[in-house]
Amino acid sequence: MKFTEYPDREFLMLSLANTIASELGNFLRREGRASLCLPGGTTPGPIFDTLSGVDLDWSSVSVFLNDERWVSEDSPRSNTRLLRERLLVNRAAAATLLPLHAEAGTPEEKLEELAAGIAPHLPISVLLLGMGEDMHTASLFPGADRLEEALSDSAPLLLPMRAEAAGEPRITLTAKPLREAMAIHILITGAAKRAALEKAQSLTALEAPIKAVLANATVHWAE
């Protein structure tokens, strides 16, 4: 794990957006295409805003989420909605959004269909993750009903996930495709999350799921 500290959040967001844009550009030049896997929530919003205006061949970039709440896209809690509003505008509107939600009562009903859409775009070129104070990442929550399965090397690409802290049912990438991303960035802010990150390093992945992806990650932190 590499830990990078920034003087303030604004500088962190701008610097990390530039790093991600540079990495995507390198993949596009080398391979002709790239995939970008992103978290939901409001914290990475400024990164999305900056990336949306970057001059890249966005038509050759596939974008998908780390995880999604099983809610319709018109819900304010939809991560897909956030991507459409903050990233997939301006120049980045040309990117291809790979869905992590479909109209169905439960994620189990659409699991195979959604996984089939993402699988051709692996390994992930550039991965950005967040982390909660409970040390969850994506929808890999401590105590979640299928966490142990999701951490296994034999896990499928996607799993449904339910946990008390999650609220709605979720669908999430499992640890293996996250861990195998070519470039891994973890974005955290504030003293509580820094303390949680330090605590996670002495715990198991079942206790602190972020541990499953830390080894090759760069953590970006500002107060």
C-alpha atoms as a PDB file:
ATOM      1  CA  MET A   1       0.000   0.000   0.000  1.00  0.00           C
ATOM      2  CA  LYS A   2       1.118   3.507  -0.817  1.00  0.00           C
ATOM      3  CA  PHE A   3      -0.269   6.376   1.293  1.00  0.00           C
ATOM      4  CA  THR A   4      -0.429   9.893  -0.154  1.00  0.00           C
ATOM      5  CA  GLU A   5      -1.409  12.842   2.024  1.00  0.00           C
ATOM      6  CA  TYR A   6      -2.642  16.140   0.585  1.00  0.00           C
ATOM      7  CA  PRO A   7      -2.771  19.612   2.173  1.00  0.00           C
ATOM      8  CA  ASP A   8      -6.533  19.929   1.618  1.00  0.00           C
ATOM      9  CA  ARG A   9      -9.471  18.182  -0.029  1.00  0.00           C
ATOM     10  CA  GLU A  10      -9.622  20.481  -3.039  1.00  0.00           C
ATOM     11  CA  PHE A  11      -6.024  19.705  -3.960  1.00  0.00           C
ATOM     12  CA  LEU A  12      -6.631  15.983  -3.381  1.00  0.00           C
ATOM     13  CA  MET A  13      -9.636  15.900  -5.709  1.00  0.00           C
ATOM     14  CA  LEU A  14      -7.907  17.805  -8.497  1.00  0.00           C
ATOM     15  CA  SER A  15      -4.669  15.841  -8.228  1.00  0.00           C
ATOM     16  CA  LEU A  16      -6.418  12.461  -8.158  1.00  0.00           C
ATOM     17  CA  ALA A  17      -8.601  13.403 -11.137  1.00  0.00           C
ATOM     18  CA  ASN A  18      -5.450  14.294 -13.070  1.00  0.00           C
ATOM     19  CA  THR A  19      -3.808  10.995 -12.086  1.00  0.00           C
ATOM     20  CA  ILE A  20      -6.831   8.997 -13.226  1.00  0.00           C
ATOM     21  CA  ALA A  21      -7.016  10.928 -16.506  1.00  0.00           C
ATOM     22  CA  SER A  22      -3.318  10.291 -17.150  1.00  0.00           C
ATOM     23  CA  GLU A  23      -3.683   6.563 -16.446  1.00  0.00           C
ATOM     24  CA  LEU A  24      -6.722   6.302 -18.714  1.00  0.00           C
ATOM     25  CA  GLY A  25      -4.793   8.093 -21.459  1.00  0.00           C
ATOM     26  CA  ASN A  26      -1.926   5.623 -21.128  1.00  0.00           C
ATOM     27  CA  PHE A  27      -4.282   2.637 -21.420  1.00  0.00           C
ATOM     28  CA  LEU A  28      -6.016   4.166 -24.433  1.00  0.00           C
ATOM     29  CA  ARG A  29      -2.731   4.764 -26.232  1.00  0.00           C
ATOM     30  CA  ARG A  30      -1.404   1.317 -25.417  1.00  0.00           C
ATOM     31  CA  GLU A  31      -4.524  -0.827 -25.793  1.00  0.00           C
ATOM     32  CA  GLY A  32      -7.040   1.294 -27.681  1.00  0.00           C
ATOM     33  CA  ARG A  33      -9.582   1.047 -24.889  1.00  0.00           C
ATOM     34  CA  ALA A  34      -9.863   1.427 -21.122  1.00  0.00           C
ATOM     35  CA  SER A  35     -12.267   0.667 -18.289  1.00  0.00           C
ATOM     36  CA  LEU A  36     -12.961   2.913 -15.312  1.00  0.00           C
ATOM     37  CA  CYS A  37     -14.673   1.543 -12.187  1.00  0.00           C
ATOM     38  CA  LEU A  38     -15.998   4.121  -9.741  1.00  0.00           C
ATOM     39  CA  PRO A  39     -17.669   4.463  -6.336  1.00  0.00           C
ATOM     40  CA  GLY A  40     -20.942   6.144  -5.599  1.00  0.00           C
ATOM     41  CA  GLY A  41     -21.613   8.618  -2.813  1.00  0.00           C
ATOM     42  CA  THR A  42     -20.991  12.350  -2.827  1.00  0.00           C
ATOM     43  CA  THR A  43     -17.291  12.356  -1.828  1.00  0.00           C
ATOM     44  CA  PRO A  44     -15.872  11.657  -5.329  1.00  0.00           C
ATOM     45  CA  GLY A  45     -18.213  14.156  -7.019  1.00  0.00           C
ATOM     46  CA  PRO A  46     -15.524  16.826  -7.557  1.00  0.00           C
ATOM     47  CA  ILE A  47     -13.305  14.196  -9.227  1.00  0.00           C
ATOM     48  CA  PHE A  48     -16.142  13.330 -11.598  1.00  0.00           C
ATOM     49  CA  ASP A  49     -16.678  17.022 -12.369  1.00  0.00           C
ATOM     50  CA  THR A  50     -13.037  17.442 -13.371  1.00  0.00           C
ATOM     51  CA  LEU A  51     -12.832  14.204 -15.330  1.00  0.00           C
ATOM     52  CA  SER A  52     -15.939  15.063 -17.343  1.00  0.00           C
ATOM     53  CA  GLY A  53     -14.083  17.867 -19.086  1.00  0.00           C
ATOM     54  CA  VAL A  54     -10.810  16.050 -19.778  1.00  0.00           C
ATOM     55  CA  ASP A  55      -9.797  15.639 -23.421  1.00  0.00           C
ATOM     56  CA  LEU A  56      -9.681  11.832 -23.796  1.00  0.00           C
ATOM     57  CA  ASP A  57     -11.065   9.405 -26.327  1.00  0.00           C
ATOM     58  CA  TRP A  58     -14.045   8.810 -24.065  1.00  0.00           C
ATOM     59  CA  SER A  59     -15.809   6.783 -26.762  1.00  0.00           C
ATOM     60  CA  SER A  60     -13.266   4.036 -26.027  1.00  0.00           C
ATOM     61  CA  VAL A  61     -13.782   4.139 -22.239  1.00  0.00           C
ATOM     62  CA  SER A  62     -16.203   1.837 -20.419  1.00  0.00           C
ATOM     63  CA  VAL A  63     -17.453   3.161 -17.088  1.00  0.00           C
ATOM     64  CA  PHE A  64     -19.098   1.096 -14.359  1.00  0.00           C
ATOM     65  CA  LEU A  65     -19.709   1.252 -10.650  1.00  0.00           C
ATOM     66  CA  ASN A  66     -18.032  -0.636  -7.808  1.00  0.00           C
ATOM     67  CA  ASP A  67     -21.510  -1.325  -6.449  1.00  0.00           C
ATOM     68  CA  GLU A  68     -25.076  -0.112  -6.622  1.00  0.00           C
ATOM     69  CA  ARG A  69     -28.068   0.176  -4.350  1.00  0.00           C
ATOM     70  CA  TRP A  70     -31.014  -1.803  -5.730  1.00  0.00           C
ATOM     71  CA  VAL A  71     -33.114   1.309  -6.331  1.00  0.00           C
ATOM     72  CA  SER A  72     -34.426   2.848  -9.538  1.00  0.00           C
ATOM     73  CA  GLU A  73     -32.269   5.401 -11.301  1.00  0.00           C
ATOM     74  CA  ASP A  74     -34.640   8.240 -10.410  1.00  0.00           C
ATOM     75  CA  SER A  75     -33.947   7.656  -6.699  1.00  0.00           C
ATOM     76  CA  PRO A  76     -31.652  10.206  -5.019  1.00  0.00           C
ATOM     77  CA  ARG A  77     -29.782   7.190  -3.580  1.00  0.00           C
ATOM     78  CA  SER A  78     -28.908   5.800  -7.013  1.00  0.00           C
ATOM     79  CA  ASN A  79     -25.172   5.743  -7.721  1.00  0.00           C
ATOM     80  CA  THR A  80     -25.946   5.434 -11.435  1.00  0.00           C
ATOM     81  CA  ARG A  81     -27.827   8.711 -11.280  1.00  0.00           C
ATOM     82  CA  LEU A  82     -24.786  10.372  -9.715  1.00  0.00           C
ATOM     83  CA  LEU A  83     -22.538   9.154 -12.542  1.00  0.00           C
ATOM     84  CA  ARG A  84     -24.940  10.444 -15.178  1.00  0.00           C
ATOM     85  CA  GLU A  85     -25.206  13.841 -13.530  1.00  0.00           C
ATOM     86  CA  ARG A  86     -21.569  14.454 -12.570  1.00  0.00           C
ATOM     87  CA  LEU A  87     -19.329  12.351 -14.848  1.00  0.00           C
ATOM     88  CA  LEU A  88     -21.145  11.413 -18.039  1.00  0.00           C
ATOM     89  CA  VAL A  89     -21.555  14.991 -19.229  1.00  0.00           C
ATOM     90  CA  ASN A  90     -19.409  17.315 -21.344  1.00  0.00           C
ATOM     91  CA  ARG A  91     -16.628  15.345 -23.077  1.00  0.00           C
ATOM     92  CA  ALA A  92     -17.146  12.247 -20.928  1.00  0.00           C
ATOM     93  CA  ALA A  93     -20.714  11.898 -22.226  1.00  0.00           C
ATOM     94  CA  ALA A  94     -19.179   9.813 -25.039  1.00  0.00           C
ATOM     95  CA  ALA A  95     -18.134   7.056 -22.607  1.00  0.00           C
ATOM     96  CA  THR A  96     -20.092   3.804 -22.402  1.00  0.00           C
ATOM     97  CA  LEU A  97     -21.891   3.235 -19.095  1.00  0.00           C
ATOM     98  CA  LEU A  98     -22.146  -0.452 -18.190  1.00  0.00           C
ATOM     99  CA  PRO A  99     -25.224  -0.928 -15.988  1.00  0.00           C
ATOM    100  CA  LEU A 100     -25.149  -2.344 -12.488  1.00  0.00           C
ATOM    101  CA  HIS A 101     -28.920  -2.129 -12.068  1.00  0.00           C
ATOM    102  CA  ALA A 102     -31.909  -3.351 -14.062  1.00  0.00           C
ATOM    103  CA  GLU A 103     -35.653  -3.297 -13.531  1.00  0.00           C
ATOM    104  CA  ALA A 104     -36.362  -6.231 -11.238  1.00  0.00           C
ATOM    105  CA  GLY A 105     -37.487  -6.764  -7.676  1.00  0.00           C
ATOM    106  CA  THR A 106     -34.172  -8.164  -6.453  1.00  0.00           C
ATOM    107  CA  PRO A 107     -30.545  -8.107  -7.660  1.00  0.00           C
ATOM    108  CA  GLU A 108     -30.541 -11.916  -7.841  1.00  0.00           C
ATOM    109  CA  GLU A 109     -32.914 -11.764 -10.813  1.00  0.00           C
ATOM    110  CA  LYS A 110     -30.469  -9.780 -12.974  1.00  0.00           C
ATOM    111  CA  LEU A 111     -27.114 -10.908 -11.606  1.00  0.00           C
ATOM    112  CA  GLU A 112     -25.960 -13.016 -14.560  1.00  0.00           C
ATOM    113  CA  GLU A 113     -27.170 -10.506 -17.136  1.00  0.00           C
ATOM    114  CA  LEU A 114     -25.333  -7.599 -15.483  1.00  0.00           C
ATOM    115  CA  ALA A 115     -22.153  -9.645 -14.956  1.00  0.00           C
ATOM    116  CA  ALA A 116     -22.140 -10.623 -18.632  1.00  0.00           C
ATOM    117  CA  GLY A 117     -22.104  -6.947 -19.566  1.00  0.00           C
ATOM    118  CA  ILE A 118     -19.076  -6.173 -17.403  1.00  0.00           C
ATOM    119  CA  ALA A 119     -16.936  -9.294 -17.900  1.00  0.00           C
ATOM    120  CA  PRO A 120     -15.547  -8.335 -21.361  1.00  0.00           C
ATOM    121  CA  HIS A 121     -14.147  -5.125 -19.850  1.00  0.00           C
ATOM    122  CA  LEU A 122     -11.937  -6.831 -17.268  1.00  0.00           C
ATOM    123  CA  PRO A 123      -9.390  -6.483 -15.903  1.00  0.00           C
ATOM    124  CA  ILE A 124     -10.342  -3.007 -14.729  1.00  0.00           C
ATOM    125  CA  SER A 125      -7.882  -0.446 -16.090  1.00  0.00           C
ATOM    126  CA  VAL A 126      -8.383   2.174 -13.375  1.00  0.00           C
ATOM    127  CA  LEU A 127     -10.276   1.547 -10.144  1.00  0.00           C
ATOM    128  CA  LEU A 128     -11.357   4.193  -7.657  1.00  0.00           C
ATOM    129  CA  LEU A 129     -12.774   3.000  -4.341  1.00  0.00           C
ATOM    130  CA  GLY A 130     -14.065   4.702  -1.239  1.00  0.00           C
ATOM    131  CA  MET A 131     -14.098   3.399   2.318  1.00  0.00           C
ATOM    132  CA  GLY A 132     -16.516   3.820   5.199  1.00  0.00           C
ATOM    133  CA  GLU A 133     -15.575   4.337   8.820  1.00  0.00           C
ATOM    134  CA  ASP A 134     -16.665   0.697   9.313  1.00  0.00           C
ATOM    135  CA  MET A 135     -13.905  -0.252   6.842  1.00  0.00           C
ATOM    136  CA  HIS A 136     -16.306  -1.391   4.105  1.00  0.00           C
ATOM    137  CA  THR A 137     -15.529  -0.774   0.452  1.00  0.00           C
ATOM    138  CA  ALA A 138     -17.868  -1.187  -2.518  1.00  0.00           C
ATOM    139  CA  SER A 139     -20.758  -3.072  -0.830  1.00  0.00           C
ATOM    140  CA  LEU A 140     -18.418  -5.413   1.021  1.00  0.00           C
ATOM    141  CA  PHE A 141     -19.704  -4.623   4.519  1.00  0.00           C
ATOM    142  CA  PRO A 142     -18.486  -6.239   7.740  1.00  0.00           C
ATOM    143  CA  GLY A 143     -21.182  -8.695   8.771  1.00  0.00           C
ATOM    144  CA  ALA A 144     -22.884  -8.741   5.351  1.00  0.00           C
ATOM    145  CA  ASP A 145     -24.766 -11.898   4.455  1.00  0.00           C
ATOM    146  CA  ARG A 146     -22.439 -13.020   1.630  1.00  0.00           C
ATOM    147  CA  LEU A 147     -19.212 -11.274   2.575  1.00  0.00           C
ATOM    148  CA  GLU A 148     -17.187 -14.463   3.050  1.00  0.00           C
ATOM    149  CA  GLU A 149     -18.234 -15.655  -0.412  1.00  0.00           C
ATOM    150  CA  ALA A 150     -17.427 -12.262  -1.939  1.00  0.00           C
ATOM    151  CA  LEU A 151     -13.903 -12.332  -0.510  1.00  0.00           C
ATOM    152  CA  SER A 152     -13.144 -15.764  -1.956  1.00  0.00           C
ATOM    153  CA  ASP A 153     -10.944 -16.145  -5.038  1.00  0.00           C
ATOM    154  CA  SER A 154     -13.647 -18.416  -6.469  1.00  0.00           C
ATOM    155  CA  ALA A 155     -16.401 -15.814  -6.107  1.00  0.00           C
ATOM    156  CA  PRO A 156     -18.368 -14.770  -9.196  1.00  0.00           C
ATOM    157  CA  LEU A 157     -17.831 -11.292 -10.631  1.00  0.00           C
ATOM    158  CA  LEU A 158     -20.944  -9.870  -8.964  1.00  0.00           C
ATOM    159  CA  LEU A 159     -22.888 -10.775  -5.847  1.00  0.00           C
ATOM    160  CA  PRO A 160     -26.013  -9.441  -4.183  1.00  0.00           C
ATOM    161  CA  MET A 161     -25.270  -8.142  -0.699  1.00  0.00           C
ATOM    162  CA  ARG A 162     -27.414  -7.351   2.306  1.00  0.00           C
ATOM    163  CA  ALA A 163     -26.183  -5.812   5.531  1.00  0.00           C
ATOM    164  CA  GLU A 164     -27.710  -3.809   8.336  1.00  0.00           C
ATOM    165  CA  ALA A 165     -25.467  -0.843   7.508  1.00  0.00           C
ATOM    166  CA  ALA A 166     -26.299  -0.990   3.797  1.00  0.00           C
ATOM    167  CA  GLY A 167     -29.968  -0.035   3.937  1.00  0.00           C
ATOM    168  CA  GLU A 168     -31.319  -1.336   0.631  1.00  0.00           C
ATOM    169  CA  PRO A 169     -30.172  -4.582  -0.963  1.00  0.00           C
ATOM    170  CA  ARG A 170     -26.998  -4.001  -2.975  1.00  0.00           C
ATOM    171  CA  ILE A 171     -25.159  -5.490  -5.921  1.00  0.00           C
ATOM    172  CA  THR A 172     -21.377  -5.372  -5.762  1.00  0.00           C
ATOM    173  CA  LEU A 173     -18.214  -6.382  -7.523  1.00  0.00           C
ATOM    174  CA  THR A 174     -16.479  -9.038  -5.482  1.00  0.00           C
ATOM    175  CA  ALA A 175     -12.968  -8.751  -4.100  1.00  0.00           C
ATOM    176  CA  LYS A 176     -11.154 -10.615  -6.888  1.00  0.00           C
ATOM    177  CA  PRO A 177     -11.965  -8.282  -9.822  1.00  0.00           C
ATOM    178  CA  LEU A 178     -11.329  -5.277  -7.579  1.00  0.00           C
ATOM    179  CA  ARG A 179      -7.983  -6.634  -6.428  1.00  0.00           C
ATOM    180  CA  GLU A 180      -6.954  -7.476 -10.002  1.00  0.00           C
ATOM    181  CA  ALA A 181      -7.459  -3.943 -11.322  1.00  0.00           C
ATOM    182  CA  MET A 182      -4.392  -2.550 -13.099  1.00  0.00           C
ATOM    183  CA  ALA A 183      -4.388   0.682 -11.060  1.00  0.00           C
ATOM    184  CA  ILE A 184      -6.143   0.916  -7.674  1.00  0.00           C
ATOM    185  CA  HIS A 185      -6.901   4.183  -5.883  1.00  0.00           C
ATOM    186  CA  ILE A 186      -8.701   4.552  -2.557  1.00  0.00           C
ATOM    187  CA  LEU A 187     -10.133   7.960  -1.650  1.00  0.00           C
ATOM    188  CA  ILE A 188     -10.674   8.835   2.007  1.00  0.00           C
ATOM    189  CA  THR A 189     -11.051  12.091   3.917  1.00  0.00           C
ATOM    190  CA  GLY A 190     -11.085  13.054   7.574  1.00  0.00           C
ATOM    191  CA  ALA A 191      -9.393  11.835  10.736  1.00  0.00           C
ATOM    192  CA  ALA A 192     -11.920   9.064  11.454  1.00  0.00           C
ATOM    193  CA  LYS A 193     -11.343   7.317   8.131  1.00  0.00           C
ATOM    194  CA  ARG A 194      -7.576   7.612   8.460  1.00  0.00           C
ATOM    195  CA  ALA A 195      -7.831   5.955  11.863  1.00  0.00           C
ATOM    196  CA  ALA A 196     -10.077   3.252  10.383  1.00  0.00           C
ATOM    197  CA  LEU A 197      -7.544   2.599   7.617  1.00  0.00           C
ATOM    198  CA  GLU A 198      -4.751   2.189  10.147  1.00  0.00           C
ATOM    199  CA  LYS A 199      -6.921  -0.160  12.206  1.00  0.00           C
ATOM    200  CA  ALA A 200      -7.791  -2.234   9.121  1.00  0.00           C
ATOM    201  CA  GLN A 201      -4.175  -3.143   8.510  1.00  0.00           C
ATOM    202  CA  SER A 202      -4.109  -5.313  11.634  1.00  0.00           C
ATOM    203  CA  LEU A 203      -7.455  -7.014  10.970  1.00  0.00           C
ATOM    204  CA  THR A 204      -8.655  -9.731   8.609  1.00  0.00           C
ATOM    205  CA  ALA A 205     -10.635  -8.944   5.463  1.00  0.00           C
ATOM    206  CA  LEU A 206     -13.739 -10.419   7.107  1.00  0.00           C
ATOM    207  CA  GLU A 207     -13.374  -7.855   9.890  1.00  0.00           C
ATOM    208  CA  ALA A 208     -12.224  -5.036   7.602  1.00  0.00           C
ATOM    209  CA  PRO A 209     -13.158  -5.709   3.954  1.00  0.00           C
ATOM    210  CA  ILE A 210     -10.969  -2.850   2.666  1.00  0.00           C
ATOM    211  CA  LYS A 211      -8.035  -5.094   3.629  1.00  0.00           C
ATOM    212  CA  ALA A 212      -8.827  -7.284   0.604  1.00  0.00           C
ATOM    213  CA  VAL A 213      -7.699  -4.579  -1.842  1.00  0.00           C
ATOM    214  CA  LEU A 214      -5.051  -2.660   0.116  1.00  0.00           C
ATOM    215  CA  ALA A 215      -1.877  -4.455  -0.949  1.00  0.00           C
ATOM    216  CA  ASN A 216      -1.489  -2.853  -4.386  1.00  0.00           C
ATOM    217  CA  ALA A 217      -3.527   0.279  -3.737  1.00  0.00           C
ATOM    218  CA  THR A 218      -2.606   3.928  -3.438  1.00  0.00           C
ATOM    219  CA  VAL A 219      -4.590   5.607  -0.662  1.00  0.00           C
ATOM    220  CA  HIS A 220      -5.291   9.319  -1.139  1.00  0.00           C
ATOM    221  CA  TRP A 221      -6.110  11.230   2.048  1.00  0.00           C
ATOM    222  CA  ALA A 222      -6.771  14.777   3.198  1.00  0.00           C
ATOM    223  CA  GLU A 223      -8.176  16.086   6.453  1.00  0.00           C
END
